[in-house]
Amino acid sequence: MPKPERLSDVLSRMLKDSALGHDFEHMEVYTVWRKVVDGDVVRHTRVVGVKANKLIVEVDSSPWLYELSSFRKHGLLGDLRRSLRKTRILDIEFRIGSF
């Protein structure tokens, strides 16, 4: 008969193996994004997640997509890198979303 496991060990293993665990690992990105970008950008964007060290951000319109990807991306990336402690972001992908 197997030994009983601690609930914290079981939950920890489940989170680590699930997509939800990946989101928890990068939770700081959601908070830091709101601190790093100005209010206009916050109102027109939504962080979707992190995949292969790339921050995925949805925008609500084509003009914002163009503005962020063409003119603000490198500045935002630098600000994020300086502010993040646990998550390493190498790139930002902006895409049109619905929210």
PDB file of N, CA and C in Angstrom:
ATOM      1  N   MET A   1       0.848  -1.175   0.000  1.00  0.00           N
ATOM      2  CA  MET A   1       0.000   0.000   0.000  1.00  0.00           C
ATOM      3  C   MET A   1       0.896   1.242   0.000  1.00  0.00           C
ATOM      4  N   PRO A   2       0.627   2.225  -0.905  1.00  0.00           N
ATOM      5  CA  PRO A   2       1.466   3.424  -0.963  1.00  0.00           C
ATOM      6  C   PRO A   2       1.270   4.308   0.267  1.00  0.00           C
ATOM      7  N   LYS A   3       2.335   5.023   0.590  1.00  0.00           N
ATOM      8  CA  LYS A   3       2.263   5.937   1.727  1.00  0.00           C
ATOM      9  C   LYS A   3       1.381   7.130   1.377  1.00  0.00           C
ATOM     10  N   PRO A   4       0.695   7.680   2.360  1.00  0.00           N
ATOM     11  CA  PRO A   4      -0.104   8.877   2.120  1.00  0.00           C
ATOM     12  C   PRO A   4       0.821  10.060   1.778  1.00  0.00           C
ATOM     13  N   GLU A   5       0.326  10.925   0.910  1.00  0.00           N
ATOM     14  CA  GLU A   5       1.097  12.115   0.528  1.00  0.00           C
ATOM     15  C   GLU A   5       0.490  13.340   1.179  1.00  0.00           C
ATOM     16  N   ARG A   6       1.338  14.310   1.404  1.00  0.00           N
ATOM     17  CA  ARG A   6       0.833  15.585   1.919  1.00  0.00           C
ATOM     18  C   ARG A   6       0.051  16.280   0.816  1.00  0.00           C
ATOM     19  N   LEU A   7      -1.050  16.899   1.204  1.00  0.00           N
ATOM     20  CA  LEU A   7      -1.893  17.595   0.241  1.00  0.00           C
ATOM     21  C   LEU A   7      -1.115  18.693  -0.488  1.00  0.00           C
ATOM     22  N   SER A   8      -0.261  19.400   0.213  1.00  0.00           N
ATOM     23  CA  SER A   8       0.520  20.471  -0.411  1.00  0.00           C
ATOM     24  C   SER A   8       1.427  19.918  -1.512  1.00  0.00           C
ATOM     25  N   ASP A   9       1.969  18.722  -1.318  1.00  0.00           N
ATOM     26  CA  ASP A   9       2.817  18.094  -2.340  1.00  0.00           C
ATOM     27  C   ASP A   9       1.996  17.712  -3.571  1.00  0.00           C
ATOM     28  N   VAL A  10       0.815  17.176  -3.347  1.00  0.00           N
ATOM     29  CA  VAL A  10      -0.063  16.777  -4.451  1.00  0.00           C
ATOM     30  C   VAL A  10      -0.483  18.008  -5.253  1.00  0.00           C
ATOM     31  N   LEU A  11      -0.929  19.057  -4.560  1.00  0.00           N
ATOM     32  CA  LEU A  11      -1.355  20.281  -5.242  1.00  0.00           C
ATOM     33  C   LEU A  11      -0.205  20.938  -5.984  1.00  0.00           C
ATOM     34  N   SER A  12       0.931  20.962  -5.375  1.00  0.00           N
ATOM     35  CA  SER A  12       2.109  21.549  -6.013  1.00  0.00           C
ATOM     36  C   SER A  12       2.457  20.819  -7.301  1.00  0.00           C
ATOM     37  N   ARG A  13       2.422  19.513  -7.263  1.00  0.00           N
ATOM     38  CA  ARG A  13       2.720  18.709  -8.447  1.00  0.00           C
ATOM     39  C   ARG A  13       1.664  18.934  -9.540  1.00  0.00           C
ATOM     40  N   MET A  14       0.401  19.010  -9.136  1.00  0.00           N
ATOM     41  CA  MET A  14      -0.675  19.230 -10.105  1.00  0.00           C
ATOM     42  C   MET A  14      -0.535  20.596 -10.776  1.00  0.00           C
ATOM     43  N   LEU A  15      -0.247  21.626  -9.999  1.00  0.00           N
ATOM     44  CA  LEU A  15      -0.074  22.957 -10.569  1.00  0.00           C
ATOM     45  C   LEU A  15       1.112  23.018 -11.511  1.00  0.00           C
ATOM     46  N   LYS A  16       2.184  22.381 -11.112  1.00  0.00           N
ATOM     47  CA  LYS A  16       3.396  22.386 -11.937  1.00  0.00           C
ATOM     48  C   LYS A  16       3.143  21.715 -13.287  1.00  0.00           C
ATOM     49  N   ASP A  17       2.341  20.670 -13.306  1.00  0.00           N
ATOM     50  CA  ASP A  17       2.075  19.912 -14.525  1.00  0.00           C
ATOM     51  C   ASP A  17       0.966  20.508 -15.389  1.00  0.00           C
ATOM     52  N   SER A  18       0.248  21.491 -14.871  1.00  0.00           N
ATOM     53  CA  SER A  18      -0.889  22.028 -15.622  1.00  0.00           C
ATOM     54  C   SER A  18      -0.560  23.383 -16.244  1.00  0.00           C
ATOM     55  N   ALA A  19      -1.400  23.830 -17.157  1.00  0.00           N
ATOM     56  CA  ALA A  19      -1.265  25.159 -17.751  1.00  0.00           C
ATOM     57  C   ALA A  19      -1.481  26.231 -16.691  1.00  0.00           C
ATOM     58  N   LEU A  20      -2.330  25.948 -15.728  1.00  0.00           N
ATOM     59  CA  LEU A  20      -2.580  26.890 -14.653  1.00  0.00           C
ATOM     60  C   LEU A  20      -1.299  27.168 -13.863  1.00  0.00           C
ATOM     61  N   GLY A  21      -0.518  26.148 -13.657  1.00  0.00           N
ATOM     62  CA  GLY A  21       0.762  26.317 -12.971  1.00  0.00           C
ATOM     63  C   GLY A  21       1.684  27.242 -13.741  1.00  0.00           C
ATOM     64  N   HIS A  22       1.676  27.133 -15.055  1.00  0.00           N
ATOM     65  CA  HIS A  22       2.484  28.014 -15.905  1.00  0.00           C
ATOM     66  C   HIS A  22       2.033  29.456 -15.730  1.00  0.00           C
ATOM     67  N   ASP A  23       0.718  29.691 -15.671  1.00  0.00           N
ATOM     68  CA  ASP A  23       0.200  31.040 -15.471  1.00  0.00           C
ATOM     69  C   ASP A  23       0.604  31.596 -14.109  1.00  0.00           C
ATOM     70  N   PHE A  24       0.555  30.779 -13.066  1.00  0.00           N
ATOM     71  CA  PHE A  24       0.977  31.232 -11.742  1.00  0.00           C
ATOM     72  C   PHE A  24       2.449  31.607 -11.748  1.00  0.00           C
ATOM     73  N   GLU A  25       3.232  30.863 -12.473  1.00  0.00           N
ATOM     74  CA  GLU A  25       4.667  31.126 -12.541  1.00  0.00           C
ATOM     75  C   GLU A  25       4.940  32.518 -13.099  1.00  0.00           C
ATOM     76  N   HIS A  26       4.095  32.973 -14.002  1.00  0.00           N
ATOM     77  CA  HIS A  26       4.294  34.267 -14.659  1.00  0.00           C
ATOM     78  C   HIS A  26       3.314  35.337 -14.166  1.00  0.00           C
ATOM     79  N   MET A  27       2.727  35.133 -13.021  1.00  0.00           N
ATOM     80  CA  MET A  27       1.702  36.040 -12.514  1.00  0.00           C
ATOM     81  C   MET A  27       2.199  37.474 -12.370  1.00  0.00           C
ATOM     82  N   GLU A  28       3.466  37.654 -12.037  1.00  0.00           N
ATOM     83  CA  GLU A  28       3.990  38.998 -11.843  1.00  0.00           C
ATOM     84  C   GLU A  28       3.880  39.846 -13.107  1.00  0.00           C
ATOM     85  N   VAL A  29       3.892  39.205 -14.280  1.00  0.00           N
ATOM     86  CA  VAL A  29       3.826  39.940 -15.541  1.00  0.00           C
ATOM     87  C   VAL A  29       2.538  40.748 -15.624  1.00  0.00           C
ATOM     88  N   TYR A  30       1.438  40.177 -15.188  1.00  0.00           N
ATOM     89  CA  TYR A  30       0.145  40.853 -15.259  1.00  0.00           C
ATOM     90  C   TYR A  30       0.153  42.137 -14.414  1.00  0.00           C
ATOM     91  N   THR A  31       0.738  42.069 -13.247  1.00  0.00           N
ATOM     92  CA  THR A  31       0.816  43.226 -12.358  1.00  0.00           C
ATOM     93  C   THR A  31       1.802  44.262 -12.873  1.00  0.00           C
ATOM     94  N   VAL A  32       2.971  43.807 -13.280  1.00  0.00           N
ATOM     95  CA  VAL A  32       4.007  44.728 -13.747  1.00  0.00           C
ATOM     96  C   VAL A  32       3.568  45.450 -15.015  1.00  0.00           C
ATOM     97  N   TRP A  33       2.852  44.772 -15.913  1.00  0.00           N
ATOM     98  CA  TRP A  33       2.370  45.420 -17.134  1.00  0.00           C
ATOM     99  C   TRP A  33       1.569  46.672 -16.791  1.00  0.00           C
ATOM    100  N   ARG A  34       0.672  46.554 -15.831  1.00  0.00           N
ATOM    101  CA  ARG A  34      -0.189  47.685 -15.456  1.00  0.00           C
ATOM    102  C   ARG A  34       0.621  48.823 -14.822  1.00  0.00           C
ATOM    103  N   LYS A  35       1.744  48.504 -14.204  1.00  0.00           N
ATOM    104  CA  LYS A  35       2.590  49.530 -13.592  1.00  0.00           C
ATOM    105  C   LYS A  35       3.502  50.201 -14.616  1.00  0.00           C
ATOM    106  N   VAL A  36       3.942  49.448 -15.604  1.00  0.00           N
ATOM    107  CA  VAL A  36       4.930  49.933 -16.567  1.00  0.00           C
ATOM    108  C   VAL A  36       4.300  50.793 -17.659  1.00  0.00           C
ATOM    109  N   VAL A  37       3.129  50.418 -18.137  1.00  0.00           N
ATOM    110  CA  VAL A  37       2.519  51.138 -19.253  1.00  0.00           C
ATOM    111  C   VAL A  37       1.623  52.266 -18.735  1.00  0.00           C
ATOM    112  N   ASP A  38       1.426  53.264 -19.580  1.00  0.00           N
ATOM    113  CA  ASP A  38       0.563  54.376 -19.157  1.00  0.00           C
ATOM    114  C   ASP A  38      -0.907  53.981 -19.264  1.00  0.00           C
ATOM    115  N   GLY A  39      -1.764  54.828 -18.710  1.00  0.00           N
ATOM    116  CA  GLY A  39      -3.190  54.531 -18.627  1.00  0.00           C
ATOM    117  C   GLY A  39      -3.866  54.276 -19.959  1.00  0.00           C
ATOM    118  N   ASP A  40      -3.479  55.016 -20.999  1.00  0.00           N
ATOM    119  CA  ASP A  40      -4.071  54.794 -22.325  1.00  0.00           C
ATOM    120  C   ASP A  40      -3.775  53.387 -22.824  1.00  0.00           C
ATOM    121  N   VAL A  41      -2.548  52.960 -22.656  1.00  0.00           N
ATOM    122  CA  VAL A  41      -2.156  51.625 -23.131  1.00  0.00           C
ATOM    123  C   VAL A  41      -2.888  50.554 -22.337  1.00  0.00           C
ATOM    124  N   VAL A  42      -2.986  50.730 -21.035  1.00  0.00           N
ATOM    125  CA  VAL A  42      -3.694  49.756 -20.190  1.00  0.00           C
ATOM    126  C   VAL A  42      -5.139  49.588 -20.653  1.00  0.00           C
ATOM    127  N   ARG A  43      -5.782  50.684 -20.991  1.00  0.00           N
ATOM    128  CA  ARG A  43      -7.188  50.624 -21.410  1.00  0.00           C
ATOM    129  C   ARG A  43      -7.382  49.916 -22.745  1.00  0.00           C
ATOM    130  N   HIS A  44      -6.346  49.849 -23.550  1.00  0.00           N
ATOM    131  CA  HIS A  44      -6.468  49.272 -24.888  1.00  0.00           C
ATOM    132  C   HIS A  44      -5.739  47.933 -25.050  1.00  0.00           C
ATOM    133  N   THR A  45      -5.218  47.394 -23.958  1.00  0.00           N
ATOM    134  CA  THR A  45      -4.467  46.137 -24.036  1.00  0.00           C
ATOM    135  C   THR A  45      -4.896  45.169 -22.952  1.00  0.00           C
ATOM    136  N   ARG A  46      -4.528  43.917 -23.189  1.00  0.00           N
ATOM    137  CA  ARG A  46      -4.747  42.870 -22.194  1.00  0.00           C
ATOM    138  C   ARG A  46      -3.627  41.850 -22.337  1.00  0.00           C
ATOM    139  N   VAL A  47      -2.923  41.582 -21.247  1.00  0.00           N
ATOM    140  CA  VAL A  47      -1.891  40.551 -21.254  1.00  0.00           C
ATOM    141  C   VAL A  47      -2.580  39.202 -21.315  1.00  0.00           C
ATOM    142  N   VAL A  48      -2.169  38.380 -22.286  1.00  0.00           N
ATOM    143  CA  VAL A  48      -2.757  37.058 -22.460  1.00  0.00           C
ATOM    144  C   VAL A  48      -1.913  36.007 -21.760  1.00  0.00           C
ATOM    145  N   GLY A  49      -0.614  36.157 -21.792  1.00  0.00           N
ATOM    146  CA  GLY A  49       0.263  35.192 -21.147  1.00  0.00           C
ATOM    147  C   GLY A  49       1.691  35.299 -21.628  1.00  0.00           C
ATOM    148  N   VAL A  50       2.471  34.300 -21.239  1.00  0.00           N
ATOM    149  CA  VAL A  50       3.872  34.216 -21.623  1.00  0.00           C
ATOM    150  C   VAL A  50       4.102  32.855 -22.251  1.00  0.00           C
ATOM    151  N   LYS A  51       4.744  32.857 -23.411  1.00  0.00           N
ATOM    152  CA  LYS A  51       5.057  31.613 -24.098  1.00  0.00           C
ATOM    153  C   LYS A  51       6.472  31.716 -24.655  1.00  0.00           C
ATOM    154  N   ALA A  52       7.332  30.814 -24.211  1.00  0.00           N
ATOM    155  CA  ALA A  52       8.726  30.777 -24.668  1.00  0.00           C
ATOM    156  C   ALA A  52       9.391  32.144 -24.496  1.00  0.00           C
ATOM    157  N   ASN A  53       9.251  32.716 -23.315  1.00  0.00           N
ATOM    158  CA  ASN A  53       9.834  34.011 -22.957  1.00  0.00           C
ATOM    159  C   ASN A  53       9.312  35.169 -23.801  1.00  0.00           C
ATOM    160  N   LYS A  54       8.163  34.987 -24.412  1.00  0.00           N
ATOM    161  CA  LYS A  54       7.533  36.046 -25.198  1.00  0.00           C
ATOM    162  C   LYS A  54       6.223  36.434 -24.517  1.00  0.00           C
ATOM    163  N   LEU A  55       6.079  37.722 -24.218  1.00  0.00           N
ATOM    164  CA  LEU A  55       4.853  38.226 -23.637  1.00  0.00           C
ATOM    165  C   LEU A  55       3.830  38.408 -24.752  1.00  0.00           C
ATOM    166  N   ILE A  56       2.657  37.828 -24.582  1.00  0.00           N
ATOM    167  CA  ILE A  56       1.586  37.938 -25.566  1.00  0.00           C
ATOM    168  C   ILE A  56       0.579  38.956 -25.043  1.00  0.00           C
ATOM    169  N   VAL A  57       0.352  40.008 -25.843  1.00  0.00           N
ATOM    170  CA  VAL A  57      -0.539  41.091 -25.443  1.00  0.00           C
ATOM    171  C   VAL A  57      -1.562  41.324 -26.549  1.00  0.00           C
ATOM    172  N   GLU A  58      -2.832  41.317 -26.185  1.00  0.00           N
ATOM    173  CA  GLU A  58      -3.889  41.625 -27.144  1.00  0.00           C
ATOM    174  C   GLU A  58      -4.201  43.113 -27.070  1.00  0.00           C
ATOM    175  N   VAL A  59      -4.498  43.698 -28.225  1.00  0.00           N
ATOM    176  CA  VAL A  59      -4.901  45.100 -28.313  1.00  0.00           C
ATOM    177  C   VAL A  59      -6.289  45.162 -28.928  1.00  0.00           C
ATOM    178  N   ASP A  60      -6.983  46.260 -28.669  1.00  0.00           N
ATOM    179  CA  ASP A  60      -8.385  46.332 -29.100  1.00  0.00           C
ATOM    180  C   ASP A  60      -8.619  46.940 -30.474  1.00  0.00           C
ATOM    181  N   SER A  61      -7.554  47.381 -31.160  1.00  0.00           N
ATOM    182  CA  SER A  61      -7.757  47.971 -32.483  1.00  0.00           C
ATOM    183  C   SER A  61      -6.463  47.953 -33.298  1.00  0.00           C
ATOM    184  N   SER A  62      -6.622  48.076 -34.593  1.00  0.00           N
ATOM    185  CA  SER A  62      -5.461  48.114 -35.492  1.00  0.00           C
ATOM    186  C   SER A  62      -4.554  49.317 -35.240  1.00  0.00           C
ATOM    187  N   PRO A  63      -5.107  50.512 -34.997  1.00  0.00           N
ATOM    188  CA  PRO A  63      -4.210  51.637 -34.706  1.00  0.00           C
ATOM    189  C   PRO A  63      -3.332  51.406 -33.474  1.00  0.00           C
ATOM    190  N   TRP A  64      -3.911  50.792 -32.437  1.00  0.00           N
ATOM    191  CA  TRP A  64      -3.100  50.493 -31.254  1.00  0.00           C
ATOM    192  C   TRP A  64      -2.076  49.399 -31.554  1.00  0.00           C
ATOM    193  N   LEU A  65      -2.436  48.445 -32.346  1.00  0.00           N
ATOM    194  CA  LEU A  65      -1.482  47.408 -32.749  1.00  0.00           C
ATOM    195  C   LEU A  65      -0.283  48.039 -33.448  1.00  0.00           C
ATOM    196  N   TYR A  66      -0.559  48.932 -34.373  1.00  0.00           N
ATOM    197  CA  TYR A  66       0.509  49.601 -35.116  1.00  0.00           C
ATOM    198  C   TYR A  66       1.360  50.468 -34.191  1.00  0.00           C
ATOM    199  N   GLU A  67       0.719  51.252 -33.356  1.00  0.00           N
ATOM    200  CA  GLU A  67       1.432  52.144 -32.423  1.00  0.00           C
ATOM    201  C   GLU A  67       2.363  51.366 -31.501  1.00  0.00           C
ATOM    202  N   LEU A  68       1.842  50.329 -30.893  1.00  0.00           N
ATOM    203  CA  LEU A  68       2.630  49.567 -29.921  1.00  0.00           C
ATOM    204  C   LEU A  68       3.736  48.750 -30.580  1.00  0.00           C
ATOM    205  N   SER A  69       3.429  48.080 -31.668  1.00  0.00           N
ATOM    206  CA  SER A  69       4.444  47.226 -32.294  1.00  0.00           C
ATOM    207  C   SER A  69       5.495  48.032 -33.050  1.00  0.00           C
ATOM    208  N   SER A  70       5.135  49.203 -33.555  1.00  0.00           N
ATOM    209  CA  SER A  70       6.078  49.989 -34.350  1.00  0.00           C
ATOM    210  C   SER A  70       6.877  51.004 -33.535  1.00  0.00           C
ATOM    211  N   PHE A  71       6.258  51.612 -32.532  1.00  0.00           N
ATOM    212  CA  PHE A  71       6.904  52.728 -31.860  1.00  0.00           C
ATOM    213  C   PHE A  71       7.208  52.515 -30.377  1.00  0.00           C
ATOM    214  N   ARG A  72       6.452  51.699 -29.707  1.00  0.00           N
ATOM    215  CA  ARG A  72       6.614  51.583 -28.247  1.00  0.00           C
ATOM    216  C   ARG A  72       7.181  50.252 -27.772  1.00  0.00           C
ATOM    217  N   LYS A  73       7.269  49.276 -28.638  1.00  0.00           N
ATOM    218  CA  LYS A  73       7.647  47.920 -28.234  1.00  0.00           C
ATOM    219  C   LYS A  73       8.984  47.874 -27.501  1.00  0.00           C
ATOM    220  N   HIS A  74      10.009  48.473 -28.056  1.00  0.00           N
ATOM    221  CA  HIS A  74      11.345  48.363 -27.452  1.00  0.00           C
ATOM    222  C   HIS A  74      11.420  49.066 -26.097  1.00  0.00           C
ATOM    223  N   GLY A  75      10.749  50.206 -25.972  1.00  0.00           N
ATOM    224  CA  GLY A  75      10.712  50.894 -24.684  1.00  0.00           C
ATOM    225  C   GLY A  75       9.971  50.094 -23.632  1.00  0.00           C
ATOM    226  N   LEU A  76       8.827  49.531 -24.017  1.00  0.00           N
ATOM    227  CA  LEU A  76       8.057  48.701 -23.090  1.00  0.00           C
ATOM    228  C   LEU A  76       8.827  47.458 -22.676  1.00  0.00           C
ATOM    229  N   LEU A  77       9.508  46.862 -23.628  1.00  0.00           N
ATOM    230  CA  LEU A  77      10.299  45.665 -23.335  1.00  0.00           C
ATOM    231  C   LEU A  77      11.399  45.982 -22.320  1.00  0.00           C
ATOM    232  N   GLY A  78      12.076  47.107 -22.502  1.00  0.00           N
ATOM    233  CA  GLY A  78      13.116  47.514 -21.552  1.00  0.00           C
ATOM    234  C   GLY A  78      12.552  47.778 -20.166  1.00  0.00           C
ATOM    235  N   ASP A  79      11.424  48.472 -20.102  1.00  0.00           N
ATOM    236  CA  ASP A  79      10.784  48.752 -18.815  1.00  0.00           C
ATOM    237  C   ASP A  79      10.358  47.467 -18.113  1.00  0.00           C
ATOM    238  N   LEU A  80       9.805  46.527 -18.877  1.00  0.00           N
ATOM    239  CA  LEU A  80       9.402  45.245 -18.294  1.00  0.00           C
ATOM    240  C   LEU A  80      10.595  44.484 -17.749  1.00  0.00           C
ATOM    241  N   ARG A  81      11.653  44.410 -18.519  1.00  0.00           N
ATOM    242  CA  ARG A  81      12.851  43.674 -18.084  1.00  0.00           C
ATOM    243  C   ARG A  81      13.405  44.242 -16.785  1.00  0.00           C
ATOM    244  N   ARG A  82      13.392  45.553 -16.655  1.00  0.00           N
ATOM    245  CA  ARG A  82      13.909  46.181 -15.430  1.00  0.00           C
ATOM    246  C   ARG A  82      12.993  45.924 -14.234  1.00  0.00           C
ATOM    247  N   SER A  83      11.708  45.750 -14.468  1.00  0.00           N
ATOM    248  CA  SER A  83      10.740  45.626 -13.381  1.00  0.00           C
ATOM    249  C   SER A  83      10.444  44.195 -12.959  1.00  0.00           C
ATOM    250  N   LEU A  84      10.634  43.240 -13.854  1.00  0.00           N
ATOM    251  CA  LEU A  84      10.325  41.843 -13.534  1.00  0.00           C
ATOM    252  C   LEU A  84      11.441  41.211 -12.726  1.00  0.00           C
ATOM    253  N   ARG A  85      11.054  40.413 -11.741  1.00  0.00           N
ATOM    254  CA  ARG A  85      12.047  39.740 -10.901  1.00  0.00           C
ATOM    255  C   ARG A  85      12.215  38.267 -11.261  1.00  0.00           C
ATOM    256  N   LYS A  86      11.110  37.605 -11.536  1.00  0.00           N
ATOM    257  CA  LYS A  86      11.153  36.154 -11.760  1.00  0.00           C
ATOM    258  C   LYS A  86      11.062  35.773 -13.227  1.00  0.00           C
ATOM    259  N   THR A  87      10.314  36.510 -13.988  1.00  0.00           N
ATOM    260  CA  THR A  87      10.014  36.134 -15.361  1.00  0.00           C
ATOM    261  C   THR A  87      10.966  36.836 -16.317  1.00  0.00           C
ATOM    262  N   ARG A  88      11.508  36.081 -17.240  1.00  0.00           N
ATOM    263  CA  ARG A  88      12.408  36.637 -18.246  1.00  0.00           C
ATOM    264  C   ARG A  88      11.629  36.811 -19.551  1.00  0.00           C
ATOM    265  N   ILE A  89      11.519  38.043 -20.000  1.00  0.00           N
ATOM    266  CA  ILE A  89      10.812  38.353 -21.233  1.00  0.00           C
ATOM    267  C   ILE A  89      11.830  38.803 -22.272  1.00  0.00           C
ATOM    268  N   LEU A  90      11.838  38.119 -23.422  1.00  0.00           N
ATOM    269  CA  LEU A  90      12.760  38.459 -24.501  1.00  0.00           C
ATOM    270  C   LEU A  90      12.089  39.213 -25.634  1.00  0.00           C
ATOM    271  N   ASP A  91      10.760  39.123 -25.712  1.00  0.00           N
ATOM    272  CA  ASP A  91      10.042  39.752 -26.802  1.00  0.00           C
ATOM    273  C   ASP A  91       8.596  39.999 -26.378  1.00  0.00           C
ATOM    274  N   ILE A  92       7.933  40.875 -27.106  1.00  0.00           N
ATOM    275  CA  ILE A  92       6.503  41.118 -26.907  1.00  0.00           C
ATOM    276  C   ILE A  92       5.809  40.914 -28.250  1.00  0.00           C
ATOM    277  N   GLU A  93       4.755  40.136 -28.234  1.00  0.00           N
ATOM    278  CA  GLU A  93       3.937  39.958 -29.436  1.00  0.00           C
ATOM    279  C   GLU A  93       2.588  40.642 -29.193  1.00  0.00           C
ATOM    280  N   PHE A  94       2.293  41.630 -30.024  1.00  0.00           N
ATOM    281  CA  PHE A  94       1.016  42.305 -29.980  1.00  0.00           C
ATOM    282  C   PHE A  94       0.130  41.717 -31.059  1.00  0.00           C
ATOM    283  N   ARG A  95      -1.153  41.490 -30.709  1.00  0.00           N
ATOM    284  CA  ARG A  95      -2.100  40.986 -31.697  1.00  0.00           C
ATOM    285  C   ARG A  95      -3.495  41.508 -31.370  1.00  0.00           C
ATOM    286  N   ILE A  96      -4.320  41.563 -32.373  1.00  0.00           N
ATOM    287  CA  ILE A  96      -5.699  42.025 -32.200  1.00  0.00           C
ATOM    288  C   ILE A  96      -6.468  40.989 -31.384  1.00  0.00           C
ATOM    289  N   GLY A  97      -7.209  41.468 -30.408  1.00  0.00           N
ATOM    290  CA  GLY A  97      -8.020  40.597 -29.572  1.00  0.00           C
ATOM    291  C   GLY A  97      -9.414  41.168 -29.427  1.00  0.00           C
ATOM    292  N   SER A  98     -10.259  40.423 -28.788  1.00  0.00           N
ATOM    293  CA  SER A  98     -11.613  40.906 -28.524  1.00  0.00           C
ATOM    294  C   SER A  98     -11.847  40.865 -27.020  1.00  0.00           C
ATOM    295  N   PHE A  99     -12.008  42.024 -26.457  1.00  0.00           N
ATOM    296  CA  PHE A  99     -12.263  42.121 -25.012  1.00  0.00           C
ATOM    297  C   PHE A  99     -13.024  43.388 -24.702  1.00  0.00           C
TER     298      PHE A  99
END
